Amino acid sequence: MQVYDVLLHTYEAGTPGIRMSDLASKVLLTKSGLTARIDRLEQRDMVRRVPDPEDRRATRVVLTDHGAAVFREAAAFHMTSVERHFSTAISDDEARTIVTALERVLDGIG
């Protein structure tokens, strides 16, 4: 699941990529744990490291074309699975209630 999370947050960051330190906090890995994960993803041509143009001490992670394709395929599978599991467990009204509650939580965070 951590690979999916790394790809998700890197994908969401878009073209400029995401700083390694920011990515580490989002995926709940130590910096050394994230470094090892990024090393493996680089070996699989899914991500690459680039210098941060705003801070030469920092490094950003960006998806390669291959990494973006892998992520999109995994995301489609993930969403299908989530929809299948939730649609059998809760009603449409319950889903709307959950969405409303989570939106309030997000509003409180932001």
PDB file of N, CA and C in Angstrom:
ATOM      1  N   MET A   1       0.822  -1.198   0.000  1.00  0.00           N
ATOM      2  CA  MET A   1       0.000   0.000   0.000  1.00  0.00           C
ATOM      3  C   MET A   1       0.861   1.255   0.000  1.00  0.00           C
ATOM      4  N   GLN A   2       2.054   1.189   0.579  1.00  0.00           N
ATOM      5  CA  GLN A   2       2.894   2.385   0.600  1.00  0.00           C
ATOM      6  C   GLN A   2       3.339   2.776  -0.802  1.00  0.00           C
ATOM      7  N   VAL A   3       3.519   1.808  -1.697  1.00  0.00           N
ATOM      8  CA  VAL A   3       3.873   2.142  -3.077  1.00  0.00           C
ATOM      9  C   VAL A   3       2.739   2.937  -3.698  1.00  0.00           C
ATOM     10  N   TYR A   4       1.511   2.486  -3.498  1.00  0.00           N
ATOM     11  CA  TYR A   4       0.356   3.209  -4.037  1.00  0.00           C
ATOM     12  C   TYR A   4       0.319   4.626  -3.476  1.00  0.00           C
ATOM     13  N   ASP A   5       0.532   4.769  -2.178  1.00  0.00           N
ATOM     14  CA  ASP A   5       0.515   6.101  -1.563  1.00  0.00           C
ATOM     15  C   ASP A   5       1.602   7.006  -2.138  1.00  0.00           C
ATOM     16  N   VAL A   6       2.790   6.467  -2.336  1.00  0.00           N
ATOM     17  CA  VAL A   6       3.876   7.258  -2.927  1.00  0.00           C
ATOM     18  C   VAL A   6       3.476   7.712  -4.327  1.00  0.00           C
ATOM     19  N   LEU A   7       2.954   6.785  -5.132  1.00  0.00           N
ATOM     20  CA  LEU A   7       2.544   7.137  -6.486  1.00  0.00           C
ATOM     21  C   LEU A   7       1.387   8.137  -6.469  1.00  0.00           C
ATOM     22  N   LEU A   8       0.426   7.949  -5.570  1.00  0.00           N
ATOM     23  CA  LEU A   8      -0.718   8.857  -5.470  1.00  0.00           C
ATOM     24  C   LEU A   8      -0.276  10.285  -5.194  1.00  0.00           C
ATOM     25  N   HIS A   9       0.520  10.484  -4.157  1.00  0.00           N
ATOM     26  CA  HIS A   9       0.920  11.840  -3.777  1.00  0.00           C
ATOM     27  C   HIS A   9       1.852  12.463  -4.819  1.00  0.00           C
ATOM     28  N   THR A  10       2.656  11.644  -5.454  1.00  0.00           N
ATOM     29  CA  THR A  10       3.528  12.153  -6.512  1.00  0.00           C
ATOM     30  C   THR A  10       2.692  12.541  -7.725  1.00  0.00           C
ATOM     31  N   TYR A  11       1.706  11.730  -8.054  1.00  0.00           N
ATOM     32  CA  TYR A  11       0.792  12.031  -9.163  1.00  0.00           C
ATOM     33  C   TYR A  11       0.027  13.328  -8.894  1.00  0.00           C
ATOM     34  N   GLU A  12      -0.493  13.466  -7.688  1.00  0.00           N
ATOM     35  CA  GLU A  12      -1.258  14.664  -7.330  1.00  0.00           C
ATOM     36  C   GLU A  12      -0.398  15.922  -7.361  1.00  0.00           C
ATOM     37  N   ALA A  13       0.901  15.788  -7.147  1.00  0.00           N
ATOM     38  CA  ALA A  13       1.796  16.949  -7.147  1.00  0.00           C
ATOM     39  C   ALA A  13       1.988  17.509  -8.555  1.00  0.00           C
ATOM     40  N   GLY A  14       1.734  16.707  -9.561  1.00  0.00           N
ATOM     41  CA  GLY A  14       1.849  17.179 -10.938  1.00  0.00           C
ATOM     42  C   GLY A  14       3.283  17.339 -11.401  1.00  0.00           C
ATOM     43  N   THR A  15       3.458  18.199 -12.381  1.00  0.00           N
ATOM     44  CA  THR A  15       4.740  18.373 -13.059  1.00  0.00           C
ATOM     45  C   THR A  15       5.892  18.768 -12.143  1.00  0.00           C
ATOM     46  N   PRO A  16       5.672  19.669 -11.181  1.00  0.00           N
ATOM     47  CA  PRO A  16       6.837  20.044 -10.375  1.00  0.00           C
ATOM     48  C   PRO A  16       7.295  18.935  -9.428  1.00  0.00           C
ATOM     49  N   GLY A  17       6.470  17.921  -9.245  1.00  0.00           N
ATOM     50  CA  GLY A  17       6.816  16.866  -8.308  1.00  0.00           C
ATOM     51  C   GLY A  17       6.559  17.279  -6.871  1.00  0.00           C
ATOM     52  N   ILE A  18       7.036  16.458  -5.980  1.00  0.00           N
ATOM     53  CA  ILE A  18       6.832  16.700  -4.555  1.00  0.00           C
ATOM     54  C   ILE A  18       8.167  16.545  -3.835  1.00  0.00           C
ATOM     55  N   ARG A  19       8.401  17.417  -2.882  1.00  0.00           N
ATOM     56  CA  ARG A  19       9.635  17.330  -2.093  1.00  0.00           C
ATOM     57  C   ARG A  19       9.651  16.025  -1.308  1.00  0.00           C
ATOM     58  N   MET A  20      10.823  15.459  -1.210  1.00  0.00           N
ATOM     59  CA  MET A  20      10.978  14.204  -0.470  1.00  0.00           C
ATOM     60  C   MET A  20      10.473  14.351   0.966  1.00  0.00           C
ATOM     61  N   SER A  21      10.785  15.464   1.612  1.00  0.00           N
ATOM     62  CA  SER A  21      10.362  15.645   3.009  1.00  0.00           C
ATOM     63  C   SER A  21       8.843  15.721   3.119  1.00  0.00           C
ATOM     64  N   ASP A  22       8.189  16.388   2.171  1.00  0.00           N
ATOM     65  CA  ASP A  22       6.731  16.461   2.181  1.00  0.00           C
ATOM     66  C   ASP A  22       6.116  15.092   1.901  1.00  0.00           C
ATOM     67  N   LEU A  23       6.714  14.378   0.976  1.00  0.00           N
ATOM     68  CA  LEU A  23       6.219  13.050   0.643  1.00  0.00           C
ATOM     69  C   LEU A  23       6.353  12.105   1.833  1.00  0.00           C
ATOM     70  N   ALA A  24       7.459  12.186   2.543  1.00  0.00           N
ATOM     71  CA  ALA A  24       7.676  11.323   3.714  1.00  0.00           C
ATOM     72  C   ALA A  24       6.584  11.536   4.754  1.00  0.00           C
ATOM     73  N   SER A  25       6.189  12.772   4.979  1.00  0.00           N
ATOM     74  CA  SER A  25       5.152  13.026   5.984  1.00  0.00           C
ATOM     75  C   SER A  25       3.782  12.558   5.508  1.00  0.00           C
ATOM     76  N   LYS A  26       3.531  12.618   4.206  1.00  0.00           N
ATOM     77  CA  LYS A  26       2.232  12.198   3.682  1.00  0.00           C
ATOM     78  C   LYS A  26       2.058  10.686   3.688  1.00  0.00           C
ATOM     79  N   VAL A  27       3.125   9.953   3.469  1.00  0.00           N
ATOM     80  CA  VAL A  27       3.011   8.495   3.390  1.00  0.00           C
ATOM     81  C   VAL A  27       3.420   7.812   4.691  1.00  0.00           C
ATOM     82  N   LEU A  28       3.724   8.600   5.693  1.00  0.00           N
ATOM     83  CA  LEU A  28       4.059   8.086   7.016  1.00  0.00           C
ATOM     84  C   LEU A  28       5.226   7.109   6.992  1.00  0.00           C
ATOM     85  N   LEU A  29       6.270   7.518   6.281  1.00  0.00           N
ATOM     86  CA  LEU A  29       7.524   6.775   6.271  1.00  0.00           C
ATOM     87  C   LEU A  29       8.619   7.670   6.831  1.00  0.00           C
ATOM     88  N   THR A  30       9.629   7.049   7.411  1.00  0.00           N
ATOM     89  CA  THR A  30      10.792   7.836   7.806  1.00  0.00           C
ATOM     90  C   THR A  30      11.495   8.289   6.530  1.00  0.00           C
ATOM     91  N   LYS A  31      12.358   9.268   6.654  1.00  0.00           N
ATOM     92  CA  LYS A  31      13.095   9.725   5.472  1.00  0.00           C
ATOM     93  C   LYS A  31      13.929   8.601   4.876  1.00  0.00           C
ATOM     94  N   SER A  32      14.552   7.796   5.742  1.00  0.00           N
ATOM     95  CA  SER A  32      15.356   6.687   5.209  1.00  0.00           C
ATOM     96  C   SER A  32      14.465   5.618   4.575  1.00  0.00           C
ATOM     97  N   GLY A  33      13.302   5.387   5.154  1.00  0.00           N
ATOM     98  CA  GLY A  33      12.364   4.432   4.567  1.00  0.00           C
ATOM     99  C   GLY A  33      11.868   4.901   3.213  1.00  0.00           C
ATOM    100  N   LEU A  34      11.600   6.191   3.102  1.00  0.00           N
ATOM    101  CA  LEU A  34      11.150   6.741   1.826  1.00  0.00           C
ATOM    102  C   LEU A  34      12.276   6.690   0.795  1.00  0.00           C
ATOM    103  N   THR A  35      13.488   6.993   1.220  1.00  0.00           N
ATOM    104  CA  THR A  35      14.625   6.935   0.301  1.00  0.00           C
ATOM    105  C   THR A  35      14.758   5.541  -0.299  1.00  0.00           C
ATOM    106  N   ALA A  36      14.640   4.521   0.518  1.00  0.00           N
ATOM    107  CA  ALA A  36      14.729   3.142   0.022  1.00  0.00           C
ATOM    108  C   ALA A  36      13.581   2.836  -0.939  1.00  0.00           C
ATOM    109  N   ARG A  37      12.389   3.313  -0.614  1.00  0.00           N
ATOM    110  CA  ARG A  37      11.224   3.085  -1.479  1.00  0.00           C
ATOM    111  C   ARG A  37      11.416   3.781  -2.827  1.00  0.00           C
ATOM    112  N   ILE A  38      11.888   5.024  -2.792  1.00  0.00           N
ATOM    113  CA  ILE A  38      12.114   5.774  -4.030  1.00  0.00           C
ATOM    114  C   ILE A  38      13.224   5.114  -4.850  1.00  0.00           C
ATOM    115  N   ASP A  39      14.259   4.611  -4.183  1.00  0.00           N
ATOM    116  CA  ASP A  39      15.314   3.886  -4.908  1.00  0.00           C
ATOM    117  C   ASP A  39      14.724   2.734  -5.709  1.00  0.00           C
ATOM    118  N   ARG A  40      13.850   1.959  -5.082  1.00  0.00           N
ATOM    119  CA  ARG A  40      13.244   0.800  -5.773  1.00  0.00           C
ATOM    120  C   ARG A  40      12.330   1.254  -6.915  1.00  0.00           C
ATOM    121  N   LEU A  41      11.575   2.326  -6.690  1.00  0.00           N
ATOM    122  CA  LEU A  41      10.693   2.822  -7.749  1.00  0.00           C
ATOM    123  C   LEU A  41      11.496   3.413  -8.909  1.00  0.00           C
ATOM    124  N   GLU A  42      12.635   4.013  -8.605  1.00  0.00           N
ATOM    125  CA  GLU A  42      13.503   4.510  -9.681  1.00  0.00           C
ATOM    126  C   GLU A  42      14.051   3.350 -10.510  1.00  0.00           C
ATOM    127  N   GLN A  43      14.428   2.288  -9.848  1.00  0.00           N
ATOM    128  CA  GLN A  43      14.941   1.112 -10.556  1.00  0.00           C
ATOM    129  C   GLN A  43      13.881   0.519 -11.487  1.00  0.00           C
ATOM    130  N   ARG A  44      12.620   0.695 -11.138  1.00  0.00           N
ATOM    131  CA  ARG A  44      11.512   0.188 -11.957  1.00  0.00           C
ATOM    132  C   ARG A  44      11.004   1.246 -12.946  1.00  0.00           C
ATOM    133  N   ASP A  45      11.730   2.353 -13.081  1.00  0.00           N
ATOM    134  CA  ASP A  45      11.406   3.458 -13.990  1.00  0.00           C
ATOM    135  C   ASP A  45      10.013   4.028 -13.730  1.00  0.00           C
ATOM    136  N   MET A  46       9.642   4.153 -12.458  1.00  0.00           N
ATOM    137  CA  MET A  46       8.336   4.712 -12.111  1.00  0.00           C
ATOM    138  C   MET A  46       8.440   6.151 -11.633  1.00  0.00           C
ATOM    139  N   VAL A  47       9.554   6.516 -11.034  1.00  0.00           N
ATOM    140  CA  VAL A  47       9.787   7.885 -10.568  1.00  0.00           C
ATOM    141  C   VAL A  47      11.221   8.261 -10.876  1.00  0.00           C
ATOM    142  N   ARG A  48      11.466   9.556 -10.767  1.00  0.00           N
ATOM    143  CA  ARG A  48      12.851  10.036 -10.828  1.00  0.00           C
ATOM    144  C   ARG A  48      12.986  11.202  -9.867  1.00  0.00           C
ATOM    145  N   ARG A  49      14.190  11.373  -9.407  1.00  0.00           N
ATOM    146  CA  ARG A  49      14.495  12.500  -8.534  1.00  0.00           C
ATOM    147  C   ARG A  49      14.992  13.657  -9.392  1.00  0.00           C
ATOM    148  N   VAL A  50      14.557  14.865  -9.005  1.00  0.00           N
ATOM    149  CA  VAL A  50      15.019  16.071  -9.697  1.00  0.00           C
ATOM    150  C   VAL A  50      15.361  17.119  -8.645  1.00  0.00           C
ATOM    151  N   PRO A  51      16.289  18.009  -8.967  1.00  0.00           N
ATOM    152  CA  PRO A  51      16.595  19.089  -8.013  1.00  0.00           C
ATOM    153  C   PRO A  51      15.394  20.005  -7.839  1.00  0.00           C
ATOM    154  N   ASP A  52      15.233  20.519  -6.647  1.00  0.00           N
ATOM    155  CA  ASP A  52      14.166  21.472  -6.375  1.00  0.00           C
ATOM    156  C   ASP A  52      14.642  22.850  -6.839  1.00  0.00           C
ATOM    157  N   PRO A  53      13.950  23.463  -7.801  1.00  0.00           N
ATOM    158  CA  PRO A  53      14.407  24.765  -8.305  1.00  0.00           C
ATOM    159  C   PRO A  53      14.321  25.886  -7.268  1.00  0.00           C
ATOM    160  N   GLU A  54      13.519  25.679  -6.230  1.00  0.00           N
ATOM    161  CA  GLU A  54      13.360  26.713  -5.204  1.00  0.00           C
ATOM    162  C   GLU A  54      14.335  26.551  -4.043  1.00  0.00           C
ATOM    163  N   ASP A  55      14.910  25.359  -3.901  1.00  0.00           N
ATOM    164  CA  ASP A  55      15.798  25.087  -2.775  1.00  0.00           C
ATOM    165  C   ASP A  55      16.816  24.042  -3.220  1.00  0.00           C
ATOM    166  N   ARG A  56      18.024  24.471  -3.508  1.00  0.00           N
ATOM    167  CA  ARG A  56      18.998  23.539  -4.071  1.00  0.00           C
ATOM    168  C   ARG A  56      19.406  22.425  -3.109  1.00  0.00           C
ATOM    169  N   ARG A  57      19.054  22.551  -1.846  1.00  0.00           N
ATOM    170  CA  ARG A  57      19.340  21.470  -0.891  1.00  0.00           C
ATOM    171  C   ARG A  57      18.292  20.370  -0.955  1.00  0.00           C
ATOM    172  N   ALA A  58      17.145  20.678  -1.551  1.00  0.00           N
ATOM    173  CA  ALA A  58      16.025  19.732  -1.560  1.00  0.00           C
ATOM    174  C   ALA A  58      15.948  18.976  -2.885  1.00  0.00           C
ATOM    175  N   THR A  59      15.275  17.843  -2.813  1.00  0.00           N
ATOM    176  CA  THR A  59      15.046  17.003  -3.987  1.00  0.00           C
ATOM    177  C   THR A  59      13.551  16.778  -4.130  1.00  0.00           C
ATOM    178  N   ARG A  60      13.092  16.787  -5.355  1.00  0.00           N
ATOM    179  CA  ARG A  60      11.700  16.480  -5.652  1.00  0.00           C
ATOM    180  C   ARG A  60      11.623  15.133  -6.331  1.00  0.00           C
ATOM    181  N   VAL A  61      10.458  14.505  -6.205  1.00  0.00           N
ATOM    182  CA  VAL A  61      10.190  13.240  -6.876  1.00  0.00           C
ATOM    183  C   VAL A  61       9.099  13.500  -7.897  1.00  0.00           C
ATOM    184  N   VAL A  62       9.316  13.041  -9.119  1.00  0.00           N
ATOM    185  CA  VAL A  62       8.317  13.169 -10.172  1.00  0.00           C
ATOM    186  C   VAL A  62       8.059  11.788 -10.775  1.00  0.00           C
ATOM    187  N   LEU A  63       6.840  11.612 -11.275  1.00  0.00           N
ATOM    188  CA  LEU A  63       6.506  10.361 -11.944  1.00  0.00           C
ATOM    189  C   LEU A  63       7.069  10.363 -13.353  1.00  0.00           C
ATOM    190  N   THR A  64       7.527   9.207 -13.778  1.00  0.00           N
ATOM    191  CA  THR A  64       7.859   9.023 -15.184  1.00  0.00           C
ATOM    192  C   THR A  64       6.551   8.721 -15.917  1.00  0.00           C
ATOM    193  N   ASP A  65       6.604   8.685 -17.233  1.00  0.00           N
ATOM    194  CA  ASP A  65       5.411   8.304 -17.992  1.00  0.00           C
ATOM    195  C   ASP A  65       4.956   6.907 -17.599  1.00  0.00           C
ATOM    196  N   HIS A  66       5.924   6.013 -17.425  1.00  0.00           N
ATOM    197  CA  HIS A  66       5.590   4.646 -17.008  1.00  0.00           C
ATOM    198  C   HIS A  66       4.936   4.644 -15.630  1.00  0.00           C
ATOM    199  N   GLY A  67       5.480   5.430 -14.694  1.00  0.00           N
ATOM    200  CA  GLY A  67       4.917   5.509 -13.347  1.00  0.00           C
ATOM    201  C   GLY A  67       3.507   6.057 -13.347  1.00  0.00           C
ATOM    202  N   ALA A  68       3.256   7.056 -14.188  1.00  0.00           N
ATOM    203  CA  ALA A  68       1.904   7.630 -14.285  1.00  0.00           C
ATOM    204  C   ALA A  68       0.930   6.595 -14.833  1.00  0.00           C
ATOM    205  N   ALA A  69       1.356   5.820 -15.814  1.00  0.00           N
ATOM    206  CA  ALA A  69       0.485   4.783 -16.384  1.00  0.00           C
ATOM    207  C   ALA A  69       0.191   3.700 -15.355  1.00  0.00           C
ATOM    208  N   VAL A  70       1.205   3.299 -14.606  1.00  0.00           N
ATOM    209  CA  VAL A  70       1.011   2.291 -13.555  1.00  0.00           C
ATOM    210  C   VAL A  70       0.053   2.824 -12.498  1.00  0.00           C
ATOM    211  N   PHE A  71       0.240   4.091 -12.102  1.00  0.00           N
ATOM    212  CA  PHE A  71      -0.641   4.670 -11.100  1.00  0.00           C
ATOM    213  C   PHE A  71      -2.084   4.709 -11.578  1.00  0.00           C
ATOM    214  N   ARG A  72      -2.312   5.181 -12.808  1.00  0.00           N
ATOM    215  CA  ARG A  72      -3.682   5.274 -13.319  1.00  0.00           C
ATOM    216  C   ARG A  72      -4.359   3.898 -13.343  1.00  0.00           C
ATOM    217  N   GLU A  73      -3.623   2.879 -13.715  1.00  0.00           N
ATOM    218  CA  GLU A  73      -4.181   1.525 -13.722  1.00  0.00           C
ATOM    219  C   GLU A  73      -4.500   1.061 -12.301  1.00  0.00           C
ATOM    220  N   ALA A  74      -3.583   1.305 -11.378  1.00  0.00           N
ATOM    221  CA  ALA A  74      -3.806   0.909  -9.977  1.00  0.00           C
ATOM    222  C   ALA A  74      -4.958   1.697  -9.362  1.00  0.00           C
ATOM    223  N   ALA A  75      -5.056   2.987  -9.700  1.00  0.00           N
ATOM    224  CA  ALA A  75      -6.125   3.828  -9.150  1.00  0.00           C
ATOM    225  C   ALA A  75      -7.487   3.355  -9.641  1.00  0.00           C
ATOM    226  N   ALA A  76      -7.571   2.973 -10.898  1.00  0.00           N
ATOM    227  CA  ALA A  76      -8.845   2.478 -11.433  1.00  0.00           C
ATOM    228  C   ALA A  76      -9.258   1.199 -10.710  1.00  0.00           C
ATOM    229  N   PHE A  77      -8.312   0.298 -10.513  1.00  0.00           N
ATOM    230  CA  PHE A  77      -8.598  -0.943  -9.785  1.00  0.00           C
ATOM    231  C   PHE A  77      -9.009  -0.635  -8.350  1.00  0.00           C
ATOM    232  N   HIS A  78      -8.286   0.273  -7.714  1.00  0.00           N
ATOM    233  CA  HIS A  78      -8.559   0.649  -6.325  1.00  0.00           C
ATOM    234  C   HIS A  78      -9.966   1.226  -6.184  1.00  0.00           C
ATOM    235  N   MET A  79     -10.325   2.148  -7.074  1.00  0.00           N
ATOM    236  CA  MET A  79     -11.650   2.774  -6.998  1.00  0.00           C
ATOM    237  C   MET A  79     -12.763   1.759  -7.250  1.00  0.00           C
ATOM    238  N   THR A  80     -12.563   0.866  -8.189  1.00  0.00           N
ATOM    239  CA  THR A  80     -13.555  -0.176  -8.451  1.00  0.00           C
ATOM    240  C   THR A  80     -13.754  -1.036  -7.213  1.00  0.00           C
ATOM    241  N   SER A  81     -12.666  -1.382  -6.561  1.00  0.00           N
ATOM    242  CA  SER A  81     -12.735  -2.203  -5.359  1.00  0.00           C
ATOM    243  C   SER A  81     -13.435  -1.465  -4.213  1.00  0.00           C
ATOM    244  N   VAL A  82     -13.087  -0.198  -4.016  1.00  0.00           N
ATOM    245  CA  VAL A  82     -13.720   0.593  -2.955  1.00  0.00           C
ATOM    246  C   VAL A  82     -15.211   0.728  -3.218  1.00  0.00           C
ATOM    247  N   GLU A  83     -15.563   1.060  -4.454  1.00  0.00           N
ATOM    248  CA  GLU A  83     -16.983   1.211  -4.796  1.00  0.00           C
ATOM    249  C   GLU A  83     -17.748  -0.090  -4.569  1.00  0.00           C
ATOM    250  N   ARG A  84     -17.163  -1.199  -4.967  1.00  0.00           N
ATOM    251  CA  ARG A  84     -17.823  -2.495  -4.800  1.00  0.00           C
ATOM    252  C   ARG A  84     -18.064  -2.805  -3.318  1.00  0.00           C
ATOM    253  N   HIS A  85     -17.051  -2.591  -2.509  1.00  0.00           N
ATOM    254  CA  HIS A  85     -17.181  -2.905  -1.081  1.00  0.00           C
ATOM    255  C   HIS A  85     -18.152  -1.962  -0.370  1.00  0.00           C
ATOM    256  N   PHE A  86     -18.086  -0.675  -0.694  1.00  0.00           N
ATOM    257  CA  PHE A  86     -18.969   0.281  -0.040  1.00  0.00           C
ATOM    258  C   PHE A  86     -20.402   0.153  -0.527  1.00  0.00           C
ATOM    259  N   SER A  87     -20.585  -0.090  -1.806  1.00  0.00           N
ATOM    260  CA  SER A  87     -21.949  -0.146  -2.332  1.00  0.00           C
ATOM    261  C   SER A  87     -22.730  -1.325  -1.779  1.00  0.00           C
ATOM    262  N   THR A  88     -22.050  -2.360  -1.349  1.00  0.00           N
ATOM    263  CA  THR A  88     -22.752  -3.502  -0.774  1.00  0.00           C
ATOM    264  C   THR A  88     -22.989  -3.339   0.722  1.00  0.00           C
ATOM    265  N   ALA A  89     -22.291  -2.374   1.328  1.00  0.00           N
ATOM    266  CA  ALA A  89     -22.367  -2.253   2.787  1.00  0.00           C
ATOM    267  C   ALA A  89     -23.220  -1.089   3.267  1.00  0.00           C
ATOM    268  N   ILE A  90     -23.365  -0.044   2.448  1.00  0.00           N
ATOM    269  CA  ILE A  90     -24.112   1.129   2.901  1.00  0.00           C
ATOM    270  C   ILE A  90     -25.069   1.603   1.806  1.00  0.00           C
ATOM    271  N   SER A  91     -26.099   2.298   2.230  1.00  0.00           N
ATOM    272  CA  SER A  91     -27.087   2.830   1.287  1.00  0.00           C
ATOM    273  C   SER A  91     -26.602   4.165   0.718  1.00  0.00           C
ATOM    274  N   ASP A  92     -27.288   4.654  -0.302  1.00  0.00           N
ATOM    275  CA  ASP A  92     -26.951   5.962  -0.875  1.00  0.00           C
ATOM    276  C   ASP A  92     -27.097   7.073   0.158  1.00  0.00           C
ATOM    277  N   ASP A  93     -28.149   7.003   0.983  1.00  0.00           N
ATOM    278  CA  ASP A  93     -28.341   8.021   2.027  1.00  0.00           C
ATOM    279  C   ASP A  93     -27.196   7.990   3.036  1.00  0.00           C
ATOM    280  N   GLU A  94     -26.783   6.796   3.423  1.00  0.00           N
ATOM    281  CA  GLU A  94     -25.665   6.679   4.360  1.00  0.00           C
ATOM    282  C   GLU A  94     -24.380   7.222   3.728  1.00  0.00           C
ATOM    283  N   ALA A  95     -24.187   6.952   2.454  1.00  0.00           N
ATOM    284  CA  ALA A  95     -22.997   7.455   1.759  1.00  0.00           C
ATOM    285  C   ALA A  95     -22.999   8.985   1.753  1.00  0.00           C
ATOM    286  N   ARG A  96     -24.147   9.584   1.472  1.00  0.00           N
ATOM    287  CA  ARG A  96     -24.237  11.044   1.482  1.00  0.00           C
ATOM    288  C   ARG A  96     -23.927  11.603   2.872  1.00  0.00           C
ATOM    289  N   THR A  97     -24.394  10.944   3.912  1.00  0.00           N
ATOM    290  CA  THR A  97     -24.115  11.380   5.279  1.00  0.00           C
ATOM    291  C   THR A  97     -22.620  11.318   5.572  1.00  0.00           C
ATOM    292  N   ILE A  98     -21.977  10.267   5.137  1.00  0.00           N
ATOM    293  CA  ILE A  98     -20.530  10.122   5.346  1.00  0.00           C
ATOM    294  C   ILE A  98     -19.785  11.220   4.598  1.00  0.00           C
ATOM    295  N   VAL A  99     -20.165  11.473   3.354  1.00  0.00           N
ATOM    296  CA  VAL A  99     -19.510  12.517   2.554  1.00  0.00           C
ATOM    297  C   VAL A  99     -19.661  13.870   3.240  1.00  0.00           C
ATOM    298  N   THR A 100     -20.857  14.178   3.697  1.00  0.00           N
ATOM    299  CA  THR A 100     -21.105  15.450   4.378  1.00  0.00           C
ATOM    300  C   THR A 100     -20.230  15.587   5.622  1.00  0.00           C
ATOM    301  N   ALA A 101     -20.161  14.523   6.404  1.00  0.00           N
ATOM    302  CA  ALA A 101     -19.353  14.555   7.627  1.00  0.00           C
ATOM    303  C   ALA A 101     -17.870  14.726   7.296  1.00  0.00           C
ATOM    304  N   LEU A 102     -17.378  14.013   6.306  1.00  0.00           N
ATOM    305  CA  LEU A 102     -15.966  14.116   5.952  1.00  0.00           C
ATOM    306  C   LEU A 102     -15.632  15.484   5.355  1.00  0.00           C
ATOM    307  N   GLU A 103     -16.563  16.066   4.616  1.00  0.00           N
ATOM    308  CA  GLU A 103     -16.333  17.416   4.092  1.00  0.00           C
ATOM    309  C   GLU A 103     -16.199  18.423   5.233  1.00  0.00           C
ATOM    310  N   ARG A 104     -16.996  18.250   6.280  1.00  0.00           N
ATOM    311  CA  ARG A 104     -16.872  19.150   7.446  1.00  0.00           C
ATOM    312  C   ARG A 104     -15.511  18.974   8.116  1.00  0.00           C
ATOM    313  N   VAL A 105     -15.055  17.721   8.214  1.00  0.00           N
ATOM    314  CA  VAL A 105     -13.749  17.476   8.802  1.00  0.00           C
ATOM    315  C   VAL A 105     -12.662  18.162   7.978  1.00  0.00           C
ATOM    316  N   LEU A 106     -12.721  17.992   6.653  1.00  0.00           N
ATOM    317  CA  LEU A 106     -11.737  18.615   5.778  1.00  0.00           C
ATOM    318  C   LEU A 106     -11.785  20.137   5.860  1.00  0.00           C
ATOM    319  N   ASP A 107     -12.978  20.700   5.952  1.00  0.00           N
ATOM    320  CA  ASP A 107     -13.110  22.156   6.092  1.00  0.00           C
ATOM    321  C   ASP A 107     -12.448  22.629   7.380  1.00  0.00           C
ATOM    322  N   GLY A 108     -12.562  21.830   8.437  1.00  0.00           N
ATOM    323  CA  GLY A 108     -11.952  22.182   9.705  1.00  0.00           C
ATOM    324  C   GLY A 108     -10.437  22.088   9.686  1.00  0.00           C
ATOM    325  N   ILE A 109      -9.905  21.211   8.845  1.00  0.00           N
ATOM    326  CA  ILE A 109      -8.465  21.044   8.735  1.00  0.00           C
ATOM    327  C   ILE A 109      -7.860  22.171   7.912  1.00  0.00           C
ATOM    328  N   GLY A 110      -8.531  22.511   6.807  1.00  0.00           N
ATOM    329  CA  GLY A 110      -7.994  23.503   5.854  1.00  0.00           C
ATOM    330  C   GLY A 110      -8.214  24.859   6.307  1.00  0.00           C
TER     331      GLY A 110
END
